[in-house]
Amino acid sequence: VQFVESGGGLVQPGGSLRLSCVASGFSFSERDMNWYRQIPGKGREFELVARISTLSRNIIYGDSVKGRFSISRDNGKNTVYLQMNNLKPEDTGVYYCNAVGLRHWGPGTQVTVSS
C-alpha cells in the first residue's frame, strides 16, 4: 500500500492550492478516502480535513474548512484531490491522504500559507 501526495507549497493568504494523492497497492475504488493534516504546534495530532465515499456520493468536511475546501476523486486514476481556496495561515501544515480501514500513510505534502 502506498500513498504519494503532491501539490503543496507556499501561498499567500486568500490563495489556492490543489493537492493530489495517488494511491496504489489496494482496491482504490472500494475504499473511502481521507485527507488529514498535521498542524505545527499541535504535536502529533491529525485533523480530519475531508472524507469522500467510494462513488463520491457522501462527503464530509472538517468545520474549519467547510465552504473553502473541496474533495474529489478519480477512481480510474486511483487519485484523490483536495482543492483548497481562500487559504488562511492556520491552514499551514502537512497534508496526508489515506484510505479508511488502512493504517498506511504517505510522506505528506507541506502547505504553508504566509504573506
Protein backbone atom coordinates (compact mmCIF):
# COMPACT_ATOMS: atom_id res chain seq x y z
CA VAL A 1 0.00 0.00 0.00
CA GLN A 2 1.38 3.38 -0.97
CA PHE A 3 0.17 6.97 -1.00
CA VAL A 4 2.02 9.77 -2.76
CA GLU A 5 0.82 13.28 -2.04
CA SER A 6 1.77 16.31 -4.11
CA GLY A 7 0.75 19.88 -4.85
CA GLY A 8 1.75 21.61 -1.66
CA GLY A 9 3.75 24.80 -1.49
CA LEU A 10 3.92 28.36 -0.24
CA VAL A 11 0.90 30.54 -0.93
CA GLN A 12 -0.32 33.90 0.29
CA PRO A 13 -3.45 34.20 2.42
CA GLY A 14 -6.51 34.09 0.19
CA GLY A 15 -4.73 31.95 -2.37
CA SER A 16 -5.49 28.47 -3.65
CA LEU A 17 -3.76 25.12 -3.99
CA ARG A 18 -4.82 21.77 -5.39
CA LEU A 19 -3.41 18.69 -3.71
CA SER A 20 -3.28 15.27 -5.34
CA CYS A 21 -2.75 11.85 -3.87
CA VAL A 22 -2.03 8.79 -5.97
CA ALA A 23 -2.75 5.51 -4.21
CA SER A 24 -1.60 2.00 -5.02
CA GLY A 25 -1.45 -1.49 -3.56
CA PHE A 26 -5.15 -1.89 -2.78
CA SER A 27 -8.51 -1.64 -4.49
CA PHE A 28 -8.85 2.14 -4.53
CA SER A 29 -12.43 2.21 -5.78
CA GLU A 30 -13.58 0.11 -2.81
CA ARG A 31 -12.28 2.42 -0.08
CA ASP A 32 -13.49 5.72 1.27
CA MET A 33 -10.61 8.19 1.20
CA ASN A 34 -9.48 10.84 3.67
CA TRP A 35 -7.37 13.96 3.71
CA TYR A 36 -5.81 14.70 7.08
CA ARG A 37 -3.45 17.42 8.19
CA GLN A 38 -0.93 17.81 10.95
CA ILE A 39 -0.73 21.33 12.24
CA PRO A 40 2.52 22.70 13.71
CA GLY A 41 2.31 23.30 17.42
CA LYS A 42 -0.33 20.62 17.88
CA GLY A 43 2.10 17.77 18.34
CA ARG A 44 1.24 14.51 16.67
CA GLU A 45 -2.46 15.26 16.37
CA PHE A 46 -4.01 14.59 12.96
CA GLU A 47 -7.04 16.63 12.00
CA LEU A 48 -9.54 15.19 9.52
CA VAL A 49 -9.92 17.68 6.69
CA ALA A 50 -12.29 15.79 4.39
CA ARG A 51 -13.59 12.33 3.55
CA ILE A 52 -15.13 11.05 0.34
CA SER A 53 -17.00 7.80 -0.20
CA THR A 54 -16.22 5.28 -2.91
CA LEU A 55 -18.59 6.74 -5.52
CA SER A 56 -18.29 10.33 -4.26
CA ARG A 57 -21.88 10.34 -3.04
CA ASN A 58 -21.03 11.08 0.58
CA ILE A 59 -18.58 13.81 1.55
CA ILE A 60 -17.77 15.33 4.90
CA TYR A 61 -15.53 18.26 5.82
CA GLY A 62 -13.92 19.45 9.00
CA ASP A 63 -15.62 22.52 10.43
CA SER A 64 -12.59 24.72 9.87
CA VAL A 65 -12.52 24.10 6.10
CA LYS A 66 -16.20 23.96 5.17
CA GLY A 67 -17.02 26.24 2.28
CA ARG A 68 -13.35 26.65 1.32
CA PHE A 69 -12.05 23.15 0.53
CA SER A 70 -13.43 20.57 -1.88
CA ILE A 71 -12.51 16.89 -2.07
CA SER A 72 -12.93 14.79 -5.19
CA ARG A 73 -11.64 11.51 -6.61
CA ASP A 74 -10.96 9.77 -9.90
CA ASN A 75 -11.27 6.01 -9.46
CA GLY A 76 -9.84 5.42 -12.93
CA LYS A 77 -6.62 7.15 -11.87
CA ASN A 78 -6.51 5.92 -8.25
CA THR A 79 -6.28 9.56 -7.24
CA VAL A 80 -7.97 11.75 -4.68
CA TYR A 81 -7.80 15.55 -4.82
CA LEU A 82 -8.19 18.41 -2.40
CA GLN A 83 -8.98 21.82 -3.84
CA MET A 84 -8.17 24.46 -1.24
CA ASN A 85 -9.44 28.00 -1.74
CA ASN A 86 -9.28 31.13 0.39
CA LEU A 87 -6.36 29.70 2.32
CA LYS A 88 -5.58 31.05 5.77
CA PRO A 89 -2.37 31.00 7.82
CA GLU A 90 -3.98 28.46 10.16
CA ASP A 91 -4.21 26.02 7.24
CA THR A 92 -0.42 25.69 7.35
CA GLY A 93 0.66 22.12 7.95
CA VAL A 94 1.50 18.79 6.39
CA TYR A 95 -1.36 17.22 4.44
CA TYR A 96 -1.77 13.47 4.13
CA CYS A 97 -4.22 11.19 2.41
CA ASN A 98 -5.16 7.70 3.48
CA ALA A 99 -7.83 5.07 3.00
CA VAL A 100 -10.44 4.29 5.59
CA GLY A 101 -9.56 0.99 7.27
CA LEU A 102 -5.89 1.03 6.28
CA ARG A 103 -3.12 2.14 8.59
CA HIS A 104 -0.66 3.21 5.91
CA TRP A 105 0.41 6.80 5.41
CA GLY A 106 2.35 8.61 2.74
CA PRO A 107 5.08 11.21 3.27
CA GLY A 108 2.60 14.07 3.08
CA THR A 109 2.89 17.40 1.32
CA GLN A 110 3.72 20.68 3.07
CA VAL A 111 1.31 23.59 2.77
CA THR A 112 2.46 26.98 4.03
CA VAL A 113 0.15 29.97 4.00
CA SER A 114 2.04 33.15 4.69
CA SER A 115 2.49 36.67 3.38
